[in-house]
Amino acid sequence: MQAVAVSFDIQNSRAYPSKEQLLTDLRMLADQLNQAFPEALVPFQVKSGDSLLGVFNEYQVSYPLVLMLLHQPLAGYIGIGFGQYETLSTMQADEANGSAIIFAFEAQEAAKQAQNQIAFSGPPYLPTALLNGYIEMLYPAYFGKTDRQIELHRLMDQYPDATYEEIGLKMGFQEKDARMNVAKLVARSQRKQRRRLEKALVDALKQLQVWEAIG
């Protein structure tokens, strides 16, 4: 079965003050991810005490998963692998196997060398370099040229249904000026261009899965 596997490896886990706290934090994050993305072949589970692994059957889910992992407090490396999930009889991460999982771990290692700590990997015929290029354009700069513009993109990603006024209040603007100030920041921060790039990335993920199924 076609699948995408997502691995999240804690950055510098050996320096974590308490291994029990690390395990607790990872379990909490896994619960949050599984609540947000319930349609998993393998729900997110802790691997080796310092990483998470989840497997899904739709390639495009990987982008909102990346966003959620970016907007939580644990720092880590995100690896996204495309391929096959071959152990359909299990939903346990320790028993799961297939090329998607192998490529996720390969991507995780590549993410350690990437500035944005995110990487895609897959079979040689998949243009994962293109997907990595999209991600490099999107993160970590968010198209923002100032700290305020970068903060705007982060908040609008984290709260996609919030109004301009609500975003402005989260940014610390006074209520009477919140909407106007956010509108100005949106115009100056290339928000629309960034959204078009995000749409292109998601469309590419969908199309790659279709092509692979046909091939």
N, C-alpha and C. Protein backbone atom coordinates (compact mmCIF):
# COMPACT_ATOMS: atom_id res chain seq x y z
N MET A 1 0.84 -1.19 0.00
CA MET A 1 0.00 0.00 0.00
C MET A 1 0.87 1.24 0.00
N GLN A 2 0.51 2.22 -0.86
CA GLN A 2 1.21 3.50 -0.84
C GLN A 2 1.05 4.17 0.52
N ALA A 3 2.10 4.82 0.98
CA ALA A 3 2.04 5.44 2.30
C ALA A 3 3.08 6.53 2.43
N VAL A 4 2.84 7.40 3.40
CA VAL A 4 3.84 8.39 3.81
C VAL A 4 4.07 8.17 5.30
N ALA A 5 5.33 8.08 5.67
CA ALA A 5 5.71 7.93 7.07
C ALA A 5 6.37 9.22 7.54
N VAL A 6 6.04 9.63 8.75
CA VAL A 6 6.59 10.87 9.31
C VAL A 6 7.31 10.52 10.61
N SER A 7 8.58 10.88 10.65
CA SER A 7 9.40 10.65 11.83
C SER A 7 9.80 11.99 12.44
N PHE A 8 9.74 12.05 13.76
CA PHE A 8 10.15 13.26 14.48
C PHE A 8 11.14 12.86 15.55
N ASP A 9 12.38 13.32 15.41
CA ASP A 9 13.46 12.94 16.30
C ASP A 9 13.86 14.14 17.15
N ILE A 10 13.82 14.00 18.47
CA ILE A 10 14.13 15.11 19.37
C ILE A 10 15.58 15.57 19.17
N GLN A 11 15.74 16.87 19.08
CA GLN A 11 17.06 17.46 18.90
C GLN A 11 17.85 17.39 20.22
N ASN A 12 19.07 16.85 20.15
CA ASN A 12 19.97 16.78 21.30
C ASN A 12 19.28 16.14 22.51
N SER A 13 18.66 14.99 22.28
CA SER A 13 17.89 14.34 23.34
C SER A 13 18.77 13.92 24.53
N ARG A 14 20.05 13.68 24.30
CA ARG A 14 20.94 13.25 25.38
C ARG A 14 21.10 14.33 26.44
N ALA A 15 20.89 15.59 26.02
CA ALA A 15 21.03 16.70 26.97
C ALA A 15 19.73 16.98 27.72
N TYR A 16 18.68 16.23 27.40
CA TYR A 16 17.39 16.44 28.08
C TYR A 16 17.57 16.15 29.57
N PRO A 17 17.14 17.06 30.45
CA PRO A 17 17.43 16.90 31.89
C PRO A 17 16.85 15.64 32.52
N SER A 18 15.71 15.16 32.00
CA SER A 18 15.07 13.98 32.57
C SER A 18 14.52 13.12 31.44
N LYS A 19 14.96 11.88 31.38
CA LYS A 19 14.48 10.98 30.34
C LYS A 19 13.00 10.64 30.54
N GLU A 20 12.56 10.60 31.79
CA GLU A 20 11.14 10.36 32.06
C GLU A 20 10.31 11.53 31.55
N GLN A 21 10.81 12.76 31.74
CA GLN A 21 10.09 13.93 31.25
C GLN A 21 10.05 13.94 29.73
N LEU A 22 11.16 13.54 29.09
CA LEU A 22 11.20 13.45 27.64
C LEU A 22 10.14 12.47 27.14
N LEU A 23 10.05 11.31 27.80
CA LEU A 23 9.07 10.31 27.40
C LEU A 23 7.65 10.84 27.59
N THR A 24 7.42 11.53 28.69
CA THR A 24 6.09 12.12 28.94
C THR A 24 5.75 13.15 27.88
N ASP A 25 6.72 14.02 27.55
CA ASP A 25 6.48 15.06 26.55
C ASP A 25 6.19 14.45 25.18
N LEU A 26 6.92 13.41 24.81
CA LEU A 26 6.69 12.75 23.53
C LEU A 26 5.34 12.07 23.47
N ARG A 27 4.94 11.44 24.57
CA ARG A 27 3.62 10.80 24.60
C ARG A 27 2.51 11.84 24.47
N MET A 28 2.68 12.99 25.11
CA MET A 28 1.68 14.06 25.00
C MET A 28 1.60 14.57 23.58
N LEU A 29 2.76 14.75 22.94
CA LEU A 29 2.78 15.21 21.55
C LEU A 29 2.14 14.17 20.64
N ALA A 30 2.41 12.89 20.87
CA ALA A 30 1.80 11.83 20.07
C ALA A 30 0.28 11.88 20.20
N ASP A 31 -0.21 12.07 21.41
CA ASP A 31 -1.66 12.16 21.63
C ASP A 31 -2.26 13.34 20.86
N GLN A 32 -1.58 14.48 20.90
CA GLN A 32 -2.07 15.67 20.19
C GLN A 32 -2.10 15.43 18.68
N LEU A 33 -1.05 14.83 18.14
CA LEU A 33 -1.00 14.54 16.71
C LEU A 33 -2.08 13.54 16.32
N ASN A 34 -2.30 12.53 17.13
CA ASN A 34 -3.29 11.51 16.80
C ASN A 34 -4.72 12.05 16.89
N GLN A 35 -4.94 13.00 17.78
CA GLN A 35 -6.25 13.64 17.84
C GLN A 35 -6.49 14.50 16.60
N ALA A 36 -5.45 15.19 16.16
CA ALA A 36 -5.58 16.07 15.00
C ALA A 36 -5.62 15.29 13.68
N PHE A 37 -4.95 14.13 13.63
CA PHE A 37 -4.87 13.33 12.40
C PHE A 37 -5.23 11.87 12.74
N PRO A 38 -6.52 11.59 12.92
CA PRO A 38 -6.93 10.26 13.39
C PRO A 38 -6.87 9.16 12.33
N GLU A 39 -6.81 9.53 11.04
CA GLU A 39 -6.87 8.52 9.97
C GLU A 39 -5.47 7.99 9.66
N ALA A 40 -4.90 7.27 10.60
CA ALA A 40 -3.53 6.78 10.44
C ALA A 40 -3.50 5.28 10.22
N LEU A 41 -2.57 4.84 9.38
CA LEU A 41 -2.29 3.41 9.28
C LEU A 41 -1.56 2.95 10.54
N VAL A 42 -0.64 3.78 11.00
CA VAL A 42 0.05 3.57 12.27
C VAL A 42 0.01 4.89 13.03
N PRO A 43 -0.76 5.00 14.10
CA PRO A 43 -0.80 6.25 14.87
C PRO A 43 0.58 6.59 15.43
N PHE A 44 0.81 7.86 15.68
CA PHE A 44 2.10 8.28 16.23
C PHE A 44 2.36 7.58 17.56
N GLN A 45 3.56 7.01 17.65
CA GLN A 45 4.02 6.32 18.87
C GLN A 45 5.49 6.63 19.09
N VAL A 46 5.91 6.48 20.34
CA VAL A 46 7.30 6.73 20.71
C VAL A 46 8.18 5.60 20.19
N LYS A 47 9.32 5.97 19.60
CA LYS A 47 10.32 5.00 19.14
C LYS A 47 11.64 5.30 19.84
N SER A 48 12.25 4.27 20.42
CA SER A 48 13.59 4.37 21.00
C SER A 48 13.70 5.42 22.10
N GLY A 49 12.58 5.85 22.65
CA GLY A 49 12.59 6.77 23.78
C GLY A 49 12.82 8.22 23.44
N ASP A 50 13.13 8.54 22.16
CA ASP A 50 13.43 9.94 21.84
C ASP A 50 12.89 10.38 20.48
N SER A 51 11.98 9.60 19.89
CA SER A 51 11.44 9.98 18.59
C SER A 51 10.01 9.47 18.46
N LEU A 52 9.31 9.99 17.44
CA LEU A 52 7.95 9.56 17.13
C LEU A 52 7.89 9.07 15.69
N LEU A 53 6.96 8.13 15.44
CA LEU A 53 6.73 7.65 14.08
C LEU A 53 5.23 7.47 13.87
N GLY A 54 4.75 7.96 12.71
CA GLY A 54 3.38 7.75 12.30
C GLY A 54 3.34 7.46 10.81
N VAL A 55 2.34 6.70 10.37
CA VAL A 55 2.23 6.32 8.96
C VAL A 55 0.81 6.60 8.48
N PHE A 56 0.71 7.20 7.27
CA PHE A 56 -0.58 7.59 6.70
C PHE A 56 -0.64 7.16 5.24
N ASN A 57 -1.87 7.10 4.69
CA ASN A 57 -1.99 6.62 3.30
C ASN A 57 -2.13 7.75 2.28
N GLU A 58 -2.19 9.00 2.71
CA GLU A 58 -2.30 10.12 1.77
C GLU A 58 -1.08 11.02 1.91
N TYR A 59 -0.37 11.20 0.81
CA TYR A 59 0.86 11.98 0.83
C TYR A 59 0.64 13.40 1.35
N GLN A 60 -0.50 14.04 0.95
CA GLN A 60 -0.67 15.46 1.27
C GLN A 60 -0.82 15.74 2.76
N VAL A 61 -1.10 14.71 3.58
CA VAL A 61 -1.23 14.94 5.01
C VAL A 61 0.11 15.35 5.62
N SER A 62 1.20 15.06 4.92
CA SER A 62 2.52 15.35 5.48
C SER A 62 2.73 16.85 5.70
N TYR A 63 2.13 17.71 4.86
CA TYR A 63 2.38 19.14 5.05
C TYR A 63 1.70 19.70 6.30
N PRO A 64 0.38 19.46 6.53
CA PRO A 64 -0.19 19.93 7.80
C PRO A 64 0.47 19.29 9.02
N LEU A 65 0.97 18.06 8.88
CA LEU A 65 1.71 17.45 9.98
C LEU A 65 2.99 18.22 10.27
N VAL A 66 3.69 18.62 9.21
CA VAL A 66 4.90 19.43 9.38
C VAL A 66 4.56 20.72 10.11
N LEU A 67 3.46 21.37 9.71
CA LEU A 67 3.07 22.62 10.36
C LEU A 67 2.82 22.40 11.85
N MET A 68 2.10 21.34 12.19
CA MET A 68 1.80 21.09 13.60
C MET A 68 3.08 20.81 14.39
N LEU A 69 4.00 20.06 13.80
CA LEU A 69 5.25 19.78 14.49
C LEU A 69 6.09 21.04 14.67
N LEU A 70 6.00 21.96 13.72
CA LEU A 70 6.73 23.22 13.84
C LEU A 70 6.14 24.12 14.91
N HIS A 71 4.84 24.00 15.17
CA HIS A 71 4.16 24.90 16.11
C HIS A 71 3.94 24.26 17.48
N GLN A 72 4.89 23.48 17.93
CA GLN A 72 4.84 22.92 19.28
C GLN A 72 6.25 23.09 19.89
N PRO A 73 6.34 23.04 21.20
CA PRO A 73 7.58 23.50 21.85
C PRO A 73 8.80 22.59 21.73
N LEU A 74 8.62 21.32 21.40
CA LEU A 74 9.77 20.41 21.33
C LEU A 74 10.53 20.62 20.03
N ALA A 75 11.83 20.83 20.14
CA ALA A 75 12.68 20.99 18.96
C ALA A 75 13.10 19.62 18.44
N GLY A 76 13.03 19.45 17.12
CA GLY A 76 13.41 18.15 16.58
C GLY A 76 13.58 18.18 15.08
N TYR A 77 13.93 17.02 14.53
CA TYR A 77 14.15 16.85 13.10
C TYR A 77 12.96 16.10 12.51
N ILE A 78 12.44 16.60 11.39
CA ILE A 78 11.24 16.04 10.77
C ILE A 78 11.64 15.33 9.48
N GLY A 79 11.40 14.02 9.41
CA GLY A 79 11.67 13.25 8.20
C GLY A 79 10.39 12.71 7.61
N ILE A 80 10.17 12.96 6.30
CA ILE A 80 8.96 12.49 5.62
C ILE A 80 9.39 11.52 4.53
N GLY A 81 8.90 10.28 4.62
CA GLY A 81 9.28 9.26 3.65
C GLY A 81 8.10 8.73 2.86
N PHE A 82 8.25 8.63 1.54
CA PHE A 82 7.20 8.12 0.65
C PHE A 82 7.58 6.74 0.15
N GLY A 83 6.60 5.86 0.09
CA GLY A 83 6.87 4.52 -0.41
C GLY A 83 5.72 3.58 -0.12
N GLN A 84 6.03 2.41 0.38
CA GLN A 84 5.02 1.38 0.65
C GLN A 84 4.95 1.08 2.15
N TYR A 85 3.74 0.73 2.60
CA TYR A 85 3.55 0.19 3.95
C TYR A 85 3.13 -1.26 3.78
N GLU A 86 3.93 -2.17 4.28
CA GLU A 86 3.78 -3.58 3.94
C GLU A 86 3.23 -4.45 5.08
N THR A 87 3.17 -3.92 6.30
CA THR A 87 2.71 -4.73 7.43
C THR A 87 1.33 -4.27 7.86
N LEU A 88 0.34 -4.53 7.01
CA LEU A 88 -1.02 -4.04 7.23
C LEU A 88 -1.71 -4.70 8.42
N SER A 89 -1.15 -5.79 8.92
CA SER A 89 -1.78 -6.50 10.04
C SER A 89 -1.51 -5.83 11.38
N THR A 90 -0.65 -4.81 11.41
CA THR A 90 -0.30 -4.18 12.68
C THR A 90 -0.44 -2.67 12.61
N MET A 91 -0.73 -2.07 13.77
CA MET A 91 -0.72 -0.61 13.92
C MET A 91 0.31 -0.19 14.96
N GLN A 92 1.25 -1.09 15.25
CA GLN A 92 2.29 -0.82 16.23
C GLN A 92 3.56 -0.34 15.53
N ALA A 93 4.09 0.78 15.99
CA ALA A 93 5.27 1.37 15.35
C ALA A 93 6.47 0.42 15.38
N ASP A 94 6.62 -0.33 16.46
CA ASP A 94 7.77 -1.23 16.57
C ASP A 94 7.67 -2.42 15.63
N GLU A 95 6.47 -2.72 15.14
CA GLU A 95 6.27 -3.84 14.22
C GLU A 95 6.12 -3.38 12.77
N ALA A 96 5.89 -2.09 12.57
CA ALA A 96 5.62 -1.56 11.23
C ALA A 96 6.86 -1.66 10.34
N ASN A 97 6.59 -1.95 9.05
CA ASN A 97 7.71 -2.07 8.11
C ASN A 97 7.24 -1.69 6.72
N GLY A 98 8.20 -1.31 5.90
CA GLY A 98 7.93 -0.91 4.52
C GLY A 98 8.86 0.20 4.11
N SER A 99 8.94 0.43 2.80
CA SER A 99 9.91 1.41 2.28
C SER A 99 9.60 2.83 2.74
N ALA A 100 8.32 3.16 2.97
CA ALA A 100 7.99 4.52 3.44
C ALA A 100 8.67 4.81 4.77
N ILE A 101 8.71 3.82 5.65
CA ILE A 101 9.34 4.00 6.96
C ILE A 101 10.85 4.11 6.82
N ILE A 102 11.42 3.29 5.97
CA ILE A 102 12.87 3.36 5.73
C ILE A 102 13.25 4.73 5.19
N PHE A 103 12.44 5.24 4.25
CA PHE A 103 12.74 6.55 3.68
C PHE A 103 12.51 7.67 4.70
N ALA A 104 11.56 7.50 5.63
CA ALA A 104 11.34 8.51 6.67
C ALA A 104 12.57 8.65 7.56
N PHE A 105 13.18 7.51 7.91
CA PHE A 105 14.39 7.56 8.73
C PHE A 105 15.56 8.15 7.94
N GLU A 106 15.60 7.85 6.65
CA GLU A 106 16.63 8.44 5.79
C GLU A 106 16.46 9.96 5.73
N ALA A 107 15.21 10.40 5.58
CA ALA A 107 14.93 11.84 5.55
C ALA A 107 15.26 12.49 6.89
N GLN A 108 14.98 11.79 7.97
CA GLN A 108 15.28 12.32 9.30
C GLN A 108 16.77 12.63 9.44
N GLU A 109 17.60 11.74 8.93
CA GLU A 109 19.04 11.98 8.98
C GLU A 109 19.42 13.17 8.11
N ALA A 110 18.78 13.29 6.94
CA ALA A 110 19.05 14.43 6.06
C ALA A 110 18.60 15.73 6.71
N ALA A 111 17.52 15.67 7.49
CA ALA A 111 17.00 16.87 8.15
C ALA A 111 18.01 17.44 9.15
N LYS A 112 18.87 16.59 9.68
CA LYS A 112 19.87 17.06 10.63
C LYS A 112 20.90 17.97 9.97
N GLN A 113 20.99 17.88 8.64
CA GLN A 113 21.92 18.73 7.89
C GLN A 113 21.22 19.92 7.24
N ALA A 114 19.89 19.95 7.30
CA ALA A 114 19.13 21.01 6.65
C ALA A 114 18.93 22.18 7.61
N GLN A 115 18.98 23.38 7.07
CA GLN A 115 18.83 24.56 7.91
C GLN A 115 17.48 24.58 8.63
N ASN A 116 16.43 24.13 7.93
CA ASN A 116 15.10 24.17 8.53
C ASN A 116 14.74 22.88 9.27
N GLN A 117 15.65 21.89 9.25
CA GLN A 117 15.48 20.63 9.99
C GLN A 117 14.27 19.82 9.52
N ILE A 118 13.96 19.94 8.21
CA ILE A 118 12.87 19.18 7.59
C ILE A 118 13.41 18.60 6.29
N ALA A 119 13.05 17.34 5.98
CA ALA A 119 13.50 16.76 4.71
C ALA A 119 12.52 15.69 4.25
N PHE A 120 12.42 15.54 2.92
CA PHE A 120 11.63 14.49 2.27
C PHE A 120 12.58 13.47 1.66
N SER A 121 12.12 12.21 1.59
CA SER A 121 12.88 11.18 0.91
C SER A 121 11.91 10.15 0.33
N GLY A 122 12.35 9.47 -0.73
CA GLY A 122 11.50 8.47 -1.37
C GLY A 122 12.27 7.74 -2.45
N PRO A 123 11.58 6.93 -3.24
CA PRO A 123 12.25 6.19 -4.32
C PRO A 123 12.93 7.15 -5.29
N PRO A 124 13.95 6.68 -6.01
CA PRO A 124 14.70 7.56 -6.91
C PRO A 124 13.85 8.26 -7.97
N TYR A 125 12.74 7.63 -8.38
CA TYR A 125 11.92 8.23 -9.44
C TYR A 125 11.00 9.33 -8.91
N LEU A 126 10.89 9.49 -7.60
CA LEU A 126 10.07 10.58 -7.05
C LEU A 126 10.94 11.83 -6.91
N PRO A 127 10.46 12.99 -7.37
CA PRO A 127 11.27 14.22 -7.31
C PRO A 127 11.25 14.85 -5.92
N THR A 128 11.81 14.12 -4.94
CA THR A 128 11.80 14.65 -3.59
C THR A 128 12.68 15.90 -3.45
N ALA A 129 13.64 16.07 -4.36
CA ALA A 129 14.45 17.30 -4.34
C ALA A 129 13.56 18.52 -4.58
N LEU A 130 12.53 18.36 -5.42
CA LEU A 130 11.58 19.44 -5.66
C LEU A 130 10.83 19.78 -4.38
N LEU A 131 10.37 18.75 -3.66
CA LEU A 131 9.65 18.98 -2.41
C LEU A 131 10.55 19.64 -1.37
N ASN A 132 11.80 19.20 -1.30
CA ASN A 132 12.74 19.84 -0.38
C ASN A 132 12.97 21.31 -0.76
N GLY A 133 12.95 21.58 -2.07
CA GLY A 133 13.08 22.97 -2.52
C GLY A 133 11.91 23.83 -2.08
N TYR A 134 10.70 23.30 -2.20
CA TYR A 134 9.53 24.03 -1.70
C TYR A 134 9.70 24.37 -0.21
N ILE A 135 10.08 23.37 0.58
CA ILE A 135 10.22 23.57 2.02
C ILE A 135 11.31 24.59 2.33
N GLU A 136 12.41 24.56 1.59
CA GLU A 136 13.49 25.52 1.82
C GLU A 136 13.03 26.94 1.54
N MET A 137 12.12 27.11 0.57
CA MET A 137 11.58 28.45 0.29
C MET A 137 10.60 28.90 1.36
N LEU A 138 9.89 27.95 1.95
CA LEU A 138 8.87 28.30 2.94
C LEU A 138 9.43 28.52 4.33
N TYR A 139 10.43 27.74 4.74
CA TYR A 139 10.91 27.78 6.12
C TYR A 139 12.43 27.85 6.16
N PRO A 140 12.96 28.53 7.19
CA PRO A 140 12.25 29.15 8.31
C PRO A 140 11.87 30.61 8.09
N ALA A 141 12.09 31.15 6.91
CA ALA A 141 11.90 32.59 6.71
C ALA A 141 10.44 33.01 6.66
N TYR A 142 9.53 32.10 6.28
CA TYR A 142 8.11 32.42 6.22
C TYR A 142 7.82 33.61 5.30
N PHE A 143 8.70 33.93 4.38
CA PHE A 143 8.55 35.08 3.51
C PHE A 143 8.60 36.40 4.27
N GLY A 144 8.84 36.37 5.55
CA GLY A 144 8.86 37.61 6.33
C GLY A 144 10.23 38.27 6.27
N LYS A 145 10.22 39.58 6.19
CA LYS A 145 11.47 40.34 6.17
C LYS A 145 11.79 40.96 7.52
N THR A 146 10.81 40.98 8.41
CA THR A 146 11.00 41.51 9.76
C THR A 146 10.48 40.49 10.77
N ASP A 147 10.86 40.67 12.02
CA ASP A 147 10.40 39.75 13.07
C ASP A 147 8.88 39.77 13.17
N ARG A 148 8.27 40.95 13.00
CA ARG A 148 6.82 41.06 13.07
C ARG A 148 6.14 40.28 11.95
N GLN A 149 6.69 40.37 10.74
CA GLN A 149 6.11 39.66 9.60
C GLN A 149 6.24 38.15 9.79
N ILE A 150 7.38 37.70 10.30
CA ILE A 150 7.56 36.28 10.56
C ILE A 150 6.59 35.80 11.63
N GLU A 151 6.41 36.61 12.68
CA GLU A 151 5.45 36.27 13.73
C GLU A 151 4.04 36.18 13.16
N LEU A 152 3.71 37.09 12.26
CA LEU A 152 2.38 37.07 11.62
C LEU A 152 2.14 35.75 10.91
N HIS A 153 3.09 35.31 10.09
CA HIS A 153 2.93 34.05 9.35
C HIS A 153 2.77 32.88 10.31
N ARG A 154 3.55 32.86 11.35
CA ARG A 154 3.47 31.75 12.30
C ARG A 154 2.10 31.69 12.96
N LEU A 155 1.61 32.83 13.38
CA LEU A 155 0.30 32.86 14.05
C LEU A 155 -0.83 32.52 13.08
N MET A 156 -0.74 33.01 11.84
CA MET A 156 -1.79 32.72 10.86
C MET A 156 -1.77 31.24 10.46
N ASP A 157 -0.60 30.62 10.50
CA ASP A 157 -0.52 29.17 10.27
C ASP A 157 -1.12 28.41 11.44
N GLN A 158 -0.80 28.88 12.65
CA GLN A 158 -1.23 28.17 13.85
C GLN A 158 -2.73 28.33 14.10
N TYR A 159 -3.28 29.50 13.71
CA TYR A 159 -4.70 29.79 13.94
C TYR A 159 -5.34 30.21 12.61
N PRO A 160 -5.53 29.25 11.69
CA PRO A 160 -5.99 29.60 10.34
C PRO A 160 -7.39 30.19 10.28
N ASP A 161 -8.21 29.95 11.29
CA ASP A 161 -9.58 30.46 11.29
C ASP A 161 -9.72 31.77 12.05
N ALA A 162 -8.64 32.29 12.60
CA ALA A 162 -8.70 33.53 13.38
C ALA A 162 -8.87 34.73 12.47
N THR A 163 -9.58 35.74 12.95
CA THR A 163 -9.74 36.99 12.21
C THR A 163 -8.48 37.84 12.34
N TYR A 164 -8.38 38.87 11.51
CA TYR A 164 -7.25 39.79 11.61
C TYR A 164 -7.19 40.39 13.01
N GLU A 165 -8.34 40.74 13.55
CA GLU A 165 -8.36 41.34 14.89
C GLU A 165 -7.83 40.37 15.93
N GLU A 166 -8.24 39.12 15.85
CA GLU A 166 -7.78 38.12 16.82
C GLU A 166 -6.28 37.89 16.70
N ILE A 167 -5.77 37.83 15.46
CA ILE A 167 -4.32 37.70 15.27
C ILE A 167 -3.60 38.91 15.84
N GLY A 168 -4.15 40.09 15.59
CA GLY A 168 -3.53 41.31 16.10
C GLY A 168 -3.46 41.35 17.61
N LEU A 169 -4.49 40.87 18.26
CA LEU A 169 -4.49 40.83 19.73
C LEU A 169 -3.43 39.85 20.24
N LYS A 170 -3.27 38.72 19.54
CA LYS A 170 -2.23 37.76 19.93
C LYS A 170 -0.84 38.37 19.75
N MET A 171 -0.73 39.31 18.81
CA MET A 171 0.56 39.96 18.57
C MET A 171 0.80 41.13 19.51
N GLY A 172 -0.19 41.43 20.35
CA GLY A 172 -0.02 42.48 21.34
C GLY A 172 -0.48 43.86 20.91
N PHE A 173 -1.15 43.97 19.76
CA PHE A 173 -1.68 45.26 19.34
C PHE A 173 -2.89 45.63 20.19
N GLN A 174 -3.12 46.93 20.35
CA GLN A 174 -4.33 47.37 21.04
C GLN A 174 -5.54 47.04 20.19
N GLU A 175 -6.67 46.80 20.84
CA GLU A 175 -7.86 46.33 20.15
C GLU A 175 -8.28 47.26 19.02
N LYS A 176 -8.20 48.56 19.22
CA LYS A 176 -8.66 49.51 18.21
C LYS A 176 -7.77 49.51 16.97
N ASP A 177 -6.53 49.06 17.11
CA ASP A 177 -5.59 49.08 15.99
C ASP A 177 -5.28 47.69 15.44
N ALA A 178 -5.78 46.63 16.10
CA ALA A 178 -5.35 45.28 15.79
C ALA A 178 -5.63 44.90 14.34
N ARG A 179 -6.86 45.09 13.89
CA ARG A 179 -7.23 44.66 12.54
C ARG A 179 -6.43 45.42 11.48
N MET A 180 -6.32 46.74 11.64
CA MET A 180 -5.63 47.56 10.66
C MET A 180 -4.15 47.20 10.58
N ASN A 181 -3.52 47.01 11.74
CA ASN A 181 -2.09 46.69 11.75
C ASN A 181 -1.81 45.33 11.11
N VAL A 182 -2.68 44.35 11.35
CA VAL A 182 -2.49 43.04 10.73
C VAL A 182 -2.71 43.12 9.22
N ALA A 183 -3.70 43.88 8.79
CA ALA A 183 -3.94 44.04 7.35
C ALA A 183 -2.70 44.63 6.67
N LYS A 184 -2.06 45.59 7.31
CA LYS A 184 -0.85 46.18 6.74
C LYS A 184 0.29 45.16 6.68
N LEU A 185 0.42 44.37 7.75
CA LEU A 185 1.47 43.35 7.78
C LEU A 185 1.24 42.29 6.71
N VAL A 186 -0.01 41.90 6.50
CA VAL A 186 -0.33 40.91 5.47
C VAL A 186 0.09 41.42 4.10
N ALA A 187 -0.20 42.68 3.83
CA ALA A 187 0.13 43.26 2.53
C ALA A 187 1.64 43.34 2.32
N ARG A 188 2.39 43.56 3.38
CA ARG A 188 3.84 43.75 3.26
C ARG A 188 4.63 42.45 3.35
N SER A 189 4.02 41.39 3.84
CA SER A 189 4.77 40.18 4.17
C SER A 189 4.64 39.08 3.11
N GLN A 190 4.04 39.40 1.97
CA GLN A 190 3.89 38.44 0.88
C GLN A 190 3.10 37.20 1.31
N ARG A 191 2.09 37.43 2.14
CA ARG A 191 1.28 36.31 2.63
C ARG A 191 0.60 35.56 1.48
N LYS A 192 0.06 36.31 0.52
CA LYS A 192 -0.65 35.67 -0.58
C LYS A 192 0.30 34.82 -1.42
N GLN A 193 1.51 35.34 -1.65
CA GLN A 193 2.49 34.57 -2.42
C GLN A 193 2.87 33.28 -1.68
N ARG A 194 3.00 33.39 -0.38
CA ARG A 194 3.35 32.21 0.39
C ARG A 194 2.24 31.17 0.36
N ARG A 195 0.99 31.61 0.44
CA ARG A 195 -0.13 30.68 0.38
C ARG A 195 -0.18 29.97 -0.97
N ARG A 196 0.17 30.70 -2.04
CA ARG A 196 0.20 30.06 -3.37
C ARG A 196 1.27 28.97 -3.41
N LEU A 197 2.42 29.25 -2.79
CA LEU A 197 3.49 28.26 -2.75
C LEU A 197 3.08 27.04 -1.93
N GLU A 198 2.39 27.27 -0.83
CA GLU A 198 1.89 26.15 -0.02
C GLU A 198 0.91 25.30 -0.83
N LYS A 199 0.02 25.95 -1.55
CA LYS A 199 -0.94 25.21 -2.38
C LYS A 199 -0.22 24.39 -3.44
N ALA A 200 0.82 24.99 -4.04
CA ALA A 200 1.59 24.26 -5.06
C ALA A 200 2.25 23.03 -4.45
N LEU A 201 2.75 23.14 -3.22
CA LEU A 201 3.38 22.00 -2.56
C LEU A 201 2.36 20.89 -2.30
N VAL A 202 1.20 21.24 -1.77
CA VAL A 202 0.17 20.24 -1.49
C VAL A 202 -0.32 19.60 -2.78
N ASP A 203 -0.52 20.40 -3.83
CA ASP A 203 -0.94 19.85 -5.13
C ASP A 203 0.12 18.89 -5.67
N ALA A 204 1.39 19.24 -5.49
CA ALA A 204 2.47 18.36 -5.95
C ALA A 204 2.45 17.03 -5.20
N LEU A 205 2.19 17.08 -3.89
CA LEU A 205 2.11 15.84 -3.11
C LEU A 205 0.98 14.95 -3.60
N LYS A 206 -0.17 15.55 -3.88
CA LYS A 206 -1.31 14.78 -4.39
C LYS A 206 -0.97 14.16 -5.74
N GLN A 207 -0.37 14.96 -6.64
CA GLN A 207 -0.09 14.48 -7.98
C GLN A 207 0.97 13.39 -7.99
N LEU A 208 1.96 13.51 -7.13
CA LEU A 208 3.00 12.48 -7.05
C LEU A 208 2.40 11.14 -6.64
N GLN A 209 1.44 11.16 -5.75
CA GLN A 209 0.81 9.91 -5.34
C GLN A 209 0.01 9.30 -6.47
N VAL A 210 -0.67 10.15 -7.23
CA VAL A 210 -1.43 9.66 -8.40
C VAL A 210 -0.49 9.05 -9.42
N TRP A 211 0.60 9.74 -9.73
CA TRP A 211 1.56 9.23 -10.71
C TRP A 211 2.15 7.90 -10.26
N GLU A 212 2.49 7.81 -8.97
CA GLU A 212 3.10 6.58 -8.49
C GLU A 212 2.09 5.42 -8.58
N ALA A 213 0.83 5.70 -8.29
CA ALA A 213 -0.19 4.66 -8.39
C ALA A 213 -0.36 4.18 -9.83
N ILE A 214 -0.31 5.13 -10.78
CA ILE A 214 -0.44 4.77 -12.19
C ILE A 214 0.77 3.97 -12.66
N GLY A 215 1.96 4.42 -12.20
CA GLY A 215 3.19 3.77 -12.64
C GLY A 215 3.37 2.39 -12.04
